[in-house]
Amino acid sequence: MYTLICDSATKTLYMALLKDREVLAEKYYRDGKMHSVNIVSGIEEMLKTNNVIPQNIDKFICGIGPGSYTGVRMAVTVAKMFGAFTQTKVYEISTLALMASNLEGKVLSYIDARNGNVFGAIYEDGKTIIADSFKSLVEFEKECYDKVVCNENYVVNPLKVIDLAKEVVNSDLLVPNYLRDTEAERNLNAKL
């Protein structure tokens, strides 16, 4: 069974290809602004290097955010395409859970959302203690946790990601988790 994992919600584009529970390839693109260039070419390279065709992918695990609007949509769109064109089963995982997957104990996982705010969650050994939220970093820092991981420095445990991901019944129903309106939407609502 082949599994493809993809998350583009942060400044890091993460991808992995596994056969059963063996990691065949893993990529971190930490450039932040090149996800649209790297996402398809990175997947193609991993598949080609390992002699796997898209139709052989049994499971596509997609990080659904929260995070950058454009970033989140890239991985979600690719996952939907895999589901639609190859009948691959699509699974979702919070980007925050994916980021925390390599750490044990009580972990604060967060993504900078600017102006002192973050998208954050707290996990303890894979279980959600505080669900994905949009708050100030100061509010999260008041919580009790052992370790911190942010969008700048995370390492993924792809085997744990496989265990935590949840199947999406229909890939068309896969939706990003934005947690807040865009700045344009906020400005428009302020005028109303």
N, C-alpha and C. Protein backbone atom coordinates (compact mmCIF):
# COMPACT_ATOMS: atom_id res chain seq x y z
N MET A 1 0.84 -1.18 0.00
CA MET A 1 0.00 0.00 0.00
C MET A 1 0.89 1.24 0.00
N TYR A 2 0.63 2.14 -0.94
CA TYR A 2 1.39 3.38 -1.03
C TYR A 2 0.58 4.53 -0.44
N THR A 3 1.26 5.36 0.35
CA THR A 3 0.65 6.53 0.96
C THR A 3 1.45 7.76 0.57
N LEU A 4 0.75 8.80 0.18
CA LEU A 4 1.36 10.08 -0.14
C LEU A 4 0.84 11.09 0.88
N ILE A 5 1.75 11.84 1.50
CA ILE A 5 1.39 12.87 2.48
C ILE A 5 1.82 14.22 1.92
N CYS A 6 0.94 15.21 2.05
CA CYS A 6 1.27 16.55 1.54
C CYS A 6 0.65 17.61 2.42
N ASP A 7 1.45 18.60 2.81
CA ASP A 7 0.96 19.74 3.57
C ASP A 7 1.65 21.00 3.06
N SER A 8 0.83 22.01 2.72
CA SER A 8 1.37 23.26 2.18
C SER A 8 0.87 24.49 2.95
N ALA A 9 0.37 24.30 4.16
CA ALA A 9 -0.29 25.38 4.89
C ALA A 9 0.67 26.36 5.57
N THR A 10 1.96 26.00 5.68
CA THR A 10 2.92 26.87 6.35
C THR A 10 3.99 27.30 5.35
N LYS A 11 5.02 27.95 5.84
CA LYS A 11 6.14 28.33 4.98
C LYS A 11 6.92 27.11 4.51
N THR A 12 6.67 25.97 5.13
CA THR A 12 7.30 24.72 4.73
C THR A 12 6.30 23.87 3.95
N LEU A 13 6.71 23.45 2.77
CA LEU A 13 5.93 22.47 2.01
C LEU A 13 6.50 21.11 2.38
N TYR A 14 5.66 20.25 2.94
CA TYR A 14 6.10 18.93 3.37
C TYR A 14 5.43 17.87 2.51
N MET A 15 6.22 16.88 2.07
CA MET A 15 5.69 15.75 1.32
C MET A 15 6.44 14.49 1.70
N ALA A 16 5.73 13.37 1.69
CA ALA A 16 6.35 12.07 1.95
C ALA A 16 5.64 10.99 1.15
N LEU A 17 6.41 9.98 0.76
CA LEU A 17 5.87 8.81 0.08
C LEU A 17 6.26 7.59 0.89
N LEU A 18 5.29 6.76 1.23
CA LEU A 18 5.54 5.56 2.02
C LEU A 18 4.97 4.34 1.31
N LYS A 19 5.64 3.22 1.48
CA LYS A 19 5.10 1.93 1.06
C LYS A 19 4.88 1.15 2.34
N ASP A 20 3.64 0.81 2.59
CA ASP A 20 3.23 0.24 3.87
C ASP A 20 3.68 1.21 4.97
N ARG A 21 4.61 0.84 5.82
CA ARG A 21 5.07 1.77 6.87
C ARG A 21 6.55 2.09 6.70
N GLU A 22 7.03 1.96 5.47
CA GLU A 22 8.42 2.31 5.15
C GLU A 22 8.45 3.63 4.40
N VAL A 23 9.23 4.58 4.90
CA VAL A 23 9.35 5.88 4.24
C VAL A 23 10.29 5.73 3.05
N LEU A 24 9.73 5.94 1.85
CA LEU A 24 10.53 5.85 0.62
C LEU A 24 11.16 7.19 0.27
N ALA A 25 10.46 8.27 0.54
CA ALA A 25 10.96 9.62 0.23
C ALA A 25 10.27 10.62 1.15
N GLU A 26 11.01 11.66 1.49
CA GLU A 26 10.47 12.71 2.34
C GLU A 26 11.13 14.02 1.92
N LYS A 27 10.33 15.06 1.76
CA LYS A 27 10.85 16.35 1.30
C LYS A 27 10.30 17.48 2.16
N TYR A 28 11.20 18.41 2.50
CA TYR A 28 10.84 19.65 3.15
C TYR A 28 11.33 20.79 2.25
N TYR A 29 10.41 21.57 1.73
CA TYR A 29 10.77 22.77 0.99
C TYR A 29 10.50 23.94 1.94
N ARG A 30 11.55 24.53 2.46
CA ARG A 30 11.38 25.57 3.48
C ARG A 30 11.53 26.98 2.92
N ASP A 31 11.36 27.14 1.61
CA ASP A 31 11.54 28.45 0.99
C ASP A 31 10.34 29.38 1.12
N GLY A 32 9.18 28.87 1.44
CA GLY A 32 8.02 29.68 1.74
C GLY A 32 7.24 30.26 0.57
N LYS A 33 7.89 30.61 -0.49
CA LYS A 33 7.19 31.29 -1.58
C LYS A 33 7.14 30.47 -2.86
N MET A 34 7.62 29.26 -2.83
CA MET A 34 7.71 28.45 -4.05
C MET A 34 6.84 27.20 -4.01
N HIS A 35 5.86 27.14 -3.11
CA HIS A 35 5.02 25.95 -3.00
C HIS A 35 4.35 25.61 -4.32
N SER A 36 3.85 26.62 -5.02
CA SER A 36 3.13 26.35 -6.28
C SER A 36 4.04 25.72 -7.32
N VAL A 37 5.32 26.03 -7.27
CA VAL A 37 6.29 25.44 -8.21
C VAL A 37 6.68 24.03 -7.74
N ASN A 38 6.88 23.88 -6.44
CA ASN A 38 7.44 22.64 -5.91
C ASN A 38 6.44 21.53 -5.66
N ILE A 39 5.17 21.84 -5.47
CA ILE A 39 4.22 20.81 -5.04
C ILE A 39 4.06 19.71 -6.09
N VAL A 40 3.79 20.08 -7.32
CA VAL A 40 3.58 19.06 -8.36
C VAL A 40 4.91 18.43 -8.76
N SER A 41 5.93 19.25 -8.95
CA SER A 41 7.23 18.68 -9.36
C SER A 41 7.82 17.80 -8.27
N GLY A 42 7.61 18.16 -7.01
CA GLY A 42 8.10 17.33 -5.89
C GLY A 42 7.42 15.98 -5.83
N ILE A 43 6.09 15.98 -6.02
CA ILE A 43 5.35 14.71 -6.05
C ILE A 43 5.80 13.87 -7.24
N GLU A 44 5.89 14.50 -8.40
CA GLU A 44 6.33 13.76 -9.60
C GLU A 44 7.70 13.13 -9.39
N GLU A 45 8.63 13.89 -8.80
CA GLU A 45 9.99 13.39 -8.56
C GLU A 45 9.99 12.21 -7.59
N MET A 46 9.22 12.32 -6.49
CA MET A 46 9.16 11.21 -5.53
C MET A 46 8.59 9.96 -6.18
N LEU A 47 7.51 10.12 -6.95
CA LEU A 47 6.89 8.96 -7.60
C LEU A 47 7.84 8.34 -8.62
N LYS A 48 8.44 9.17 -9.45
CA LYS A 48 9.34 8.67 -10.51
C LYS A 48 10.55 7.96 -9.92
N THR A 49 11.17 8.56 -8.93
CA THR A 49 12.36 7.97 -8.29
C THR A 49 12.06 6.60 -7.71
N ASN A 50 10.82 6.40 -7.26
CA ASN A 50 10.44 5.14 -6.62
C ASN A 50 9.60 4.24 -7.53
N ASN A 51 9.56 4.57 -8.83
CA ASN A 51 8.82 3.77 -9.82
C ASN A 51 7.37 3.52 -9.42
N VAL A 52 6.71 4.60 -8.98
CA VAL A 52 5.31 4.53 -8.58
C VAL A 52 4.52 5.45 -9.51
N ILE A 53 3.40 4.96 -10.00
CA ILE A 53 2.54 5.81 -10.82
C ILE A 53 1.39 6.33 -9.94
N PRO A 54 0.80 7.46 -10.31
CA PRO A 54 -0.26 8.02 -9.46
C PRO A 54 -1.38 7.03 -9.14
N GLN A 55 -1.71 6.16 -10.07
CA GLN A 55 -2.79 5.19 -9.85
C GLN A 55 -2.43 4.16 -8.78
N ASN A 56 -1.15 4.04 -8.42
CA ASN A 56 -0.74 3.12 -7.37
C ASN A 56 -0.89 3.68 -5.97
N ILE A 57 -1.15 5.00 -5.87
CA ILE A 57 -1.31 5.60 -4.55
C ILE A 57 -2.66 5.16 -3.98
N ASP A 58 -2.61 4.50 -2.82
CA ASP A 58 -3.81 4.01 -2.16
C ASP A 58 -4.43 5.04 -1.23
N LYS A 59 -3.57 5.89 -0.66
CA LYS A 59 -4.01 6.83 0.36
C LYS A 59 -3.27 8.15 0.17
N PHE A 60 -4.02 9.25 0.10
CA PHE A 60 -3.43 10.58 0.03
C PHE A 60 -3.84 11.32 1.30
N ILE A 61 -2.86 11.67 2.13
CA ILE A 61 -3.13 12.39 3.37
C ILE A 61 -2.78 13.85 3.16
N CYS A 62 -3.75 14.70 3.43
CA CYS A 62 -3.61 16.13 3.16
C CYS A 62 -3.71 16.94 4.45
N GLY A 63 -2.74 17.81 4.66
CA GLY A 63 -2.84 18.79 5.74
C GLY A 63 -3.84 19.85 5.32
N ILE A 64 -4.84 20.10 6.14
CA ILE A 64 -5.92 21.01 5.76
C ILE A 64 -5.83 22.38 6.44
N GLY A 65 -4.71 22.67 7.07
CA GLY A 65 -4.57 23.94 7.75
C GLY A 65 -4.89 23.77 9.22
N PRO A 66 -4.99 24.89 9.89
CA PRO A 66 -5.08 26.26 9.40
C PRO A 66 -3.75 26.77 8.88
N GLY A 67 -3.82 27.92 8.21
CA GLY A 67 -2.62 28.53 7.67
C GLY A 67 -2.95 29.51 6.58
N SER A 68 -1.96 29.78 5.75
CA SER A 68 -2.12 30.72 4.64
C SER A 68 -3.23 30.25 3.72
N TYR A 69 -4.08 31.17 3.30
CA TYR A 69 -5.19 30.81 2.41
C TYR A 69 -4.70 30.12 1.15
N THR A 70 -3.75 30.75 0.48
CA THR A 70 -3.23 30.18 -0.76
C THR A 70 -2.51 28.87 -0.48
N GLY A 71 -1.70 28.85 0.56
CA GLY A 71 -0.94 27.65 0.90
C GLY A 71 -1.83 26.45 1.18
N VAL A 72 -2.84 26.64 2.01
CA VAL A 72 -3.74 25.53 2.36
C VAL A 72 -4.43 24.98 1.11
N ARG A 73 -4.87 25.88 0.25
CA ARG A 73 -5.61 25.45 -0.94
C ARG A 73 -4.77 24.59 -1.88
N MET A 74 -3.47 24.80 -1.93
CA MET A 74 -2.64 24.03 -2.87
C MET A 74 -2.69 22.53 -2.57
N ALA A 75 -2.39 22.13 -1.35
CA ALA A 75 -2.40 20.71 -1.01
C ALA A 75 -3.81 20.13 -1.11
N VAL A 76 -4.81 20.90 -0.69
CA VAL A 76 -6.20 20.44 -0.76
C VAL A 76 -6.59 20.19 -2.22
N THR A 77 -6.21 21.10 -3.11
CA THR A 77 -6.53 20.94 -4.53
C THR A 77 -5.86 19.70 -5.12
N VAL A 78 -4.59 19.49 -4.79
CA VAL A 78 -3.88 18.31 -5.29
C VAL A 78 -4.53 17.03 -4.76
N ALA A 79 -4.89 17.02 -3.48
CA ALA A 79 -5.55 15.84 -2.89
C ALA A 79 -6.87 15.56 -3.59
N LYS A 80 -7.65 16.61 -3.84
CA LYS A 80 -8.93 16.43 -4.53
C LYS A 80 -8.72 15.88 -5.94
N MET A 81 -7.70 16.36 -6.62
CA MET A 81 -7.40 15.86 -7.97
C MET A 81 -7.03 14.38 -7.93
N PHE A 82 -6.19 13.99 -6.97
CA PHE A 82 -5.83 12.57 -6.83
C PHE A 82 -7.09 11.74 -6.59
N GLY A 83 -7.94 12.22 -5.68
CA GLY A 83 -9.16 11.49 -5.37
C GLY A 83 -10.08 11.35 -6.57
N ALA A 84 -10.21 12.42 -7.33
CA ALA A 84 -11.12 12.41 -8.47
C ALA A 84 -10.60 11.60 -9.65
N PHE A 85 -9.31 11.75 -9.95
CA PHE A 85 -8.78 11.15 -11.18
C PHE A 85 -8.19 9.76 -11.01
N THR A 86 -7.82 9.38 -9.79
CA THR A 86 -7.21 8.06 -9.60
C THR A 86 -7.99 7.21 -8.60
N GLN A 87 -9.11 7.72 -8.08
CA GLN A 87 -9.92 7.03 -7.08
C GLN A 87 -9.11 6.70 -5.82
N THR A 88 -8.07 7.50 -5.56
CA THR A 88 -7.28 7.37 -4.34
C THR A 88 -8.13 7.78 -3.15
N LYS A 89 -8.04 7.04 -2.05
CA LYS A 89 -8.72 7.44 -0.82
C LYS A 89 -8.02 8.66 -0.26
N VAL A 90 -8.80 9.67 0.12
CA VAL A 90 -8.25 10.92 0.64
C VAL A 90 -8.50 10.99 2.15
N TYR A 91 -7.46 11.39 2.86
CA TYR A 91 -7.51 11.54 4.31
C TYR A 91 -7.10 12.97 4.65
N GLU A 92 -7.56 13.45 5.80
CA GLU A 92 -7.19 14.80 6.24
C GLU A 92 -6.54 14.74 7.61
N ILE A 93 -5.70 15.74 7.84
CA ILE A 93 -5.08 15.92 9.16
C ILE A 93 -4.88 17.41 9.37
N SER A 94 -5.04 17.86 10.58
CA SER A 94 -4.74 19.24 10.91
C SER A 94 -3.24 19.47 10.68
N THR A 95 -2.91 20.58 10.07
CA THR A 95 -1.49 20.93 9.89
C THR A 95 -0.80 21.03 11.24
N LEU A 96 -1.52 21.51 12.26
CA LEU A 96 -0.93 21.63 13.60
C LEU A 96 -0.61 20.26 14.18
N ALA A 97 -1.46 19.27 13.96
CA ALA A 97 -1.19 17.90 14.43
C ALA A 97 -0.01 17.31 13.65
N LEU A 98 0.04 17.56 12.36
CA LEU A 98 1.16 17.09 11.54
C LEU A 98 2.47 17.66 12.07
N MET A 99 2.47 18.97 12.38
CA MET A 99 3.67 19.62 12.90
C MET A 99 4.11 19.03 14.25
N ALA A 100 3.16 18.63 15.07
CA ALA A 100 3.47 18.10 16.41
C ALA A 100 3.74 16.60 16.41
N SER A 101 3.60 15.95 15.27
CA SER A 101 3.63 14.49 15.20
C SER A 101 4.94 13.85 15.65
N ASN A 102 6.03 14.58 15.64
CA ASN A 102 7.33 14.01 15.99
C ASN A 102 7.69 14.22 17.46
N LEU A 103 6.78 14.81 18.23
CA LEU A 103 7.09 15.13 19.62
C LEU A 103 6.18 14.36 20.57
N GLU A 104 6.73 13.97 21.71
CA GLU A 104 5.98 13.29 22.76
C GLU A 104 5.66 14.28 23.86
N GLY A 105 4.71 13.94 24.71
CA GLY A 105 4.34 14.81 25.82
C GLY A 105 3.28 15.79 25.40
N LYS A 106 3.14 16.86 26.17
CA LYS A 106 2.14 17.89 25.91
C LYS A 106 2.79 18.98 25.06
N VAL A 107 2.27 19.15 23.84
CA VAL A 107 2.93 20.00 22.84
C VAL A 107 2.01 21.14 22.40
N LEU A 108 2.54 22.36 22.46
CA LEU A 108 1.88 23.51 21.86
C LEU A 108 2.39 23.60 20.43
N SER A 109 1.50 23.51 19.47
CA SER A 109 1.83 23.61 18.06
C SER A 109 1.16 24.87 17.52
N TYR A 110 1.97 25.76 16.88
CA TYR A 110 1.34 26.98 16.38
C TYR A 110 1.98 27.48 15.08
N ILE A 111 1.17 28.27 14.38
CA ILE A 111 1.57 28.91 13.13
C ILE A 111 1.35 30.41 13.31
N ASP A 112 2.35 31.20 13.01
CA ASP A 112 2.24 32.65 13.13
C ASP A 112 1.13 33.17 12.22
N ALA A 113 0.19 33.92 12.79
CA ALA A 113 -0.91 34.51 12.03
C ALA A 113 -0.81 36.04 12.04
N ARG A 114 0.32 36.57 12.42
CA ARG A 114 0.66 38.00 12.43
C ARG A 114 -0.04 38.77 13.55
N ASN A 115 0.55 39.92 13.84
CA ASN A 115 0.02 40.84 14.85
C ASN A 115 -0.13 40.20 16.22
N GLY A 116 0.79 39.30 16.56
CA GLY A 116 0.75 38.65 17.87
C GLY A 116 -0.22 37.50 17.97
N ASN A 117 -0.89 37.17 16.86
CA ASN A 117 -1.87 36.09 16.84
C ASN A 117 -1.27 34.83 16.22
N VAL A 118 -1.85 33.71 16.57
CA VAL A 118 -1.40 32.42 16.01
C VAL A 118 -2.60 31.52 15.75
N PHE A 119 -2.40 30.57 14.86
CA PHE A 119 -3.28 29.41 14.77
C PHE A 119 -2.59 28.38 15.65
N GLY A 120 -3.25 27.88 16.66
CA GLY A 120 -2.58 26.98 17.57
C GLY A 120 -3.47 25.86 18.08
N ALA A 121 -2.82 24.86 18.65
CA ALA A 121 -3.51 23.73 19.28
C ALA A 121 -2.54 23.10 20.27
N ILE A 122 -3.08 22.36 21.20
CA ILE A 122 -2.24 21.62 22.14
C ILE A 122 -2.61 20.15 22.05
N TYR A 123 -1.58 19.32 21.94
CA TYR A 123 -1.74 17.87 21.83
C TYR A 123 -0.94 17.21 22.93
N GLU A 124 -1.45 16.06 23.36
CA GLU A 124 -0.69 15.24 24.30
C GLU A 124 -0.64 13.83 23.75
N ASP A 125 0.54 13.42 23.32
CA ASP A 125 0.77 12.09 22.75
C ASP A 125 -0.27 11.76 21.66
N GLY A 126 -0.49 12.71 20.77
CA GLY A 126 -1.39 12.50 19.63
C GLY A 126 -2.85 12.82 19.89
N LYS A 127 -3.22 13.05 21.15
CA LYS A 127 -4.61 13.39 21.47
C LYS A 127 -4.76 14.90 21.56
N THR A 128 -5.87 15.41 21.05
CA THR A 128 -6.12 16.85 21.06
C THR A 128 -6.59 17.29 22.44
N ILE A 129 -5.84 18.22 23.03
CA ILE A 129 -6.20 18.80 24.33
C ILE A 129 -6.93 20.11 24.10
N ILE A 130 -6.39 20.98 23.24
CA ILE A 130 -7.05 22.21 22.80
C ILE A 130 -7.07 22.17 21.28
N ALA A 131 -8.27 22.19 20.71
CA ALA A 131 -8.45 22.08 19.26
C ALA A 131 -7.90 23.31 18.53
N ASP A 132 -7.71 23.17 17.22
CA ASP A 132 -7.24 24.26 16.38
C ASP A 132 -8.01 25.54 16.71
N SER A 133 -7.27 26.60 17.04
CA SER A 133 -7.88 27.87 17.44
C SER A 133 -7.09 29.04 16.87
N PHE A 134 -7.75 30.17 16.77
CA PHE A 134 -7.10 31.42 16.40
C PHE A 134 -7.14 32.32 17.62
N LYS A 135 -5.98 32.59 18.23
CA LYS A 135 -5.89 33.43 19.43
C LYS A 135 -4.54 34.13 19.46
N SER A 136 -4.37 34.96 20.45
CA SER A 136 -3.05 35.59 20.62
C SER A 136 -2.09 34.53 21.17
N LEU A 137 -0.83 34.67 20.82
CA LEU A 137 0.19 33.76 21.34
C LEU A 137 0.24 33.84 22.86
N VAL A 138 0.01 35.03 23.41
CA VAL A 138 0.01 35.22 24.87
C VAL A 138 -1.03 34.32 25.53
N GLU A 139 -2.22 34.19 24.91
CA GLU A 139 -3.26 33.32 25.47
C GLU A 139 -2.80 31.87 25.51
N PHE A 140 -2.17 31.41 24.43
CA PHE A 140 -1.67 30.04 24.40
C PHE A 140 -0.55 29.83 25.40
N GLU A 141 0.30 30.84 25.58
CA GLU A 141 1.43 30.70 26.50
C GLU A 141 0.98 30.54 27.95
N LYS A 142 -0.26 30.90 28.26
CA LYS A 142 -0.81 30.72 29.61
C LYS A 142 -1.16 29.26 29.89
N GLU A 143 -1.28 28.46 28.83
CA GLU A 143 -1.62 27.04 28.98
C GLU A 143 -0.40 26.25 29.46
N CYS A 144 -0.66 25.04 29.91
CA CYS A 144 0.40 24.17 30.40
C CYS A 144 0.82 23.21 29.27
N TYR A 145 2.12 23.15 28.98
CA TYR A 145 2.65 22.26 27.94
C TYR A 145 4.13 22.02 28.20
N ASP A 146 4.67 20.97 27.61
CA ASP A 146 6.08 20.61 27.80
C ASP A 146 6.97 21.11 26.68
N LYS A 147 6.44 21.10 25.45
CA LYS A 147 7.24 21.42 24.28
C LYS A 147 6.46 22.35 23.36
N VAL A 148 7.21 23.06 22.50
CA VAL A 148 6.60 23.98 21.54
C VAL A 148 7.16 23.67 20.17
N VAL A 149 6.27 23.68 19.18
CA VAL A 149 6.71 23.55 17.79
C VAL A 149 5.96 24.63 16.99
N CYS A 150 6.70 25.31 16.13
CA CYS A 150 6.05 26.34 15.30
C CYS A 150 6.37 26.08 13.84
N ASN A 151 5.76 26.89 12.99
CA ASN A 151 5.89 26.67 11.55
C ASN A 151 7.30 26.86 11.03
N GLU A 152 8.23 27.30 11.84
CA GLU A 152 9.60 27.53 11.40
C GLU A 152 10.49 26.30 11.57
N ASN A 153 10.15 25.39 12.48
CA ASN A 153 11.16 24.40 12.89
C ASN A 153 10.66 22.97 13.05
N TYR A 154 9.61 22.60 12.41
CA TYR A 154 9.06 21.28 12.72
C TYR A 154 9.65 20.17 11.85
N VAL A 155 9.59 18.96 12.42
CA VAL A 155 9.97 17.73 11.74
C VAL A 155 8.79 16.79 11.89
N VAL A 156 8.40 16.13 10.81
CA VAL A 156 7.20 15.30 10.80
C VAL A 156 7.55 13.84 11.04
N ASN A 157 6.67 13.14 11.76
CA ASN A 157 6.75 11.70 11.89
C ASN A 157 5.64 11.13 10.98
N PRO A 158 6.00 10.73 9.75
CA PRO A 158 4.96 10.30 8.80
C PRO A 158 4.16 9.09 9.26
N LEU A 159 4.74 8.21 10.06
CA LEU A 159 4.00 7.05 10.55
C LEU A 159 2.89 7.48 11.52
N LYS A 160 3.19 8.46 12.35
CA LYS A 160 2.18 8.97 13.27
C LYS A 160 1.09 9.73 12.50
N VAL A 161 1.50 10.43 11.43
CA VAL A 161 0.52 11.14 10.59
C VAL A 161 -0.47 10.14 10.00
N ILE A 162 0.03 9.01 9.53
CA ILE A 162 -0.86 7.96 8.99
C ILE A 162 -1.87 7.53 10.06
N ASP A 163 -1.39 7.35 11.28
CA ASP A 163 -2.27 6.90 12.37
C ASP A 163 -3.30 7.95 12.77
N LEU A 164 -2.96 9.24 12.65
CA LEU A 164 -3.86 10.31 13.10
C LEU A 164 -4.84 10.79 12.02
N ALA A 165 -4.52 10.54 10.77
CA ALA A 165 -5.36 11.05 9.67
C ALA A 165 -6.73 10.40 9.66
N LYS A 166 -7.72 11.18 9.22
CA LYS A 166 -9.10 10.69 9.15
C LYS A 166 -9.55 10.68 7.70
N GLU A 167 -10.21 9.59 7.31
CA GLU A 167 -10.67 9.46 5.93
C GLU A 167 -11.79 10.45 5.61
N VAL A 168 -11.72 11.02 4.42
CA VAL A 168 -12.78 11.88 3.89
C VAL A 168 -13.61 10.99 2.98
N VAL A 169 -14.89 10.88 3.25
CA VAL A 169 -15.76 9.96 2.52
C VAL A 169 -15.75 10.24 1.02
N ASN A 170 -15.79 11.52 0.66
CA ASN A 170 -15.80 11.93 -0.74
C ASN A 170 -14.76 13.02 -0.88
N SER A 171 -13.78 12.85 -1.76
CA SER A 171 -12.70 13.83 -1.88
C SER A 171 -13.21 15.22 -2.23
N ASP A 172 -14.40 15.30 -2.86
CA ASP A 172 -14.98 16.62 -3.16
C ASP A 172 -15.34 17.37 -1.88
N LEU A 173 -15.50 16.65 -0.78
CA LEU A 173 -15.89 17.26 0.48
C LEU A 173 -14.69 17.73 1.31
N LEU A 174 -13.49 17.51 0.83
CA LEU A 174 -12.29 17.97 1.53
C LEU A 174 -12.24 19.49 1.47
N VAL A 175 -12.20 20.14 2.63
CA VAL A 175 -12.18 21.60 2.67
C VAL A 175 -11.07 22.09 3.60
N PRO A 176 -10.47 23.22 3.24
CA PRO A 176 -9.44 23.80 4.11
C PRO A 176 -10.04 24.30 5.42
N ASN A 177 -9.23 24.32 6.45
CA ASN A 177 -9.61 24.85 7.75
C ASN A 177 -8.95 26.22 7.89
N TYR A 178 -9.68 27.27 7.54
CA TYR A 178 -9.08 28.61 7.57
C TYR A 178 -9.09 29.25 8.96
N LEU A 179 -10.08 29.02 9.76
CA LEU A 179 -10.26 29.56 11.12
C LEU A 179 -10.55 31.05 11.19
N ARG A 180 -10.31 31.80 10.14
CA ARG A 180 -10.68 33.22 10.16
C ARG A 180 -10.86 33.71 8.74
N ASP A 181 -11.60 34.82 8.62
CA ASP A 181 -11.82 35.43 7.31
C ASP A 181 -10.53 36.05 6.79
N THR A 182 -10.47 36.24 5.47
CA THR A 182 -9.33 36.93 4.88
C THR A 182 -9.37 38.40 5.31
N GLU A 183 -8.27 39.09 5.14
CA GLU A 183 -8.21 40.51 5.48
C GLU A 183 -9.23 41.29 4.65
N ALA A 184 -9.37 40.95 3.38
CA ALA A 184 -10.35 41.62 2.51
C ALA A 184 -11.77 41.43 3.05
N GLU A 185 -12.09 40.20 3.49
CA GLU A 185 -13.42 39.94 4.06
C GLU A 185 -13.63 40.71 5.36
N ARG A 186 -12.60 40.78 6.18
CA ARG A 186 -12.70 41.52 7.45
C ARG A 186 -12.91 43.01 7.17
N ASN A 187 -12.18 43.55 6.19
CA ASN A 187 -12.33 44.98 5.85
C ASN A 187 -13.72 45.26 5.30
N LEU A 188 -14.24 44.36 4.46
CA LEU A 188 -15.57 44.54 3.90
C LEU A 188 -16.62 44.50 5.00
N ASN A 189 -16.51 43.53 5.90
CA ASN A 189 -17.47 43.41 7.00
C ASN A 189 -17.42 44.63 7.93
N ALA A 190 -16.23 45.22 8.09
CA ALA A 190 -16.10 46.40 8.94
C ALA A 190 -16.84 47.59 8.36
N LYS A 191 -16.95 47.63 7.02
CA LYS A 191 -17.63 48.73 6.34
C LYS A 191 -19.14 48.57 6.38
N LEU A 192 -19.62 47.35 6.58
CA LEU A 192 -21.07 47.10 6.56
C LEU A 192 -21.76 47.50 7.83
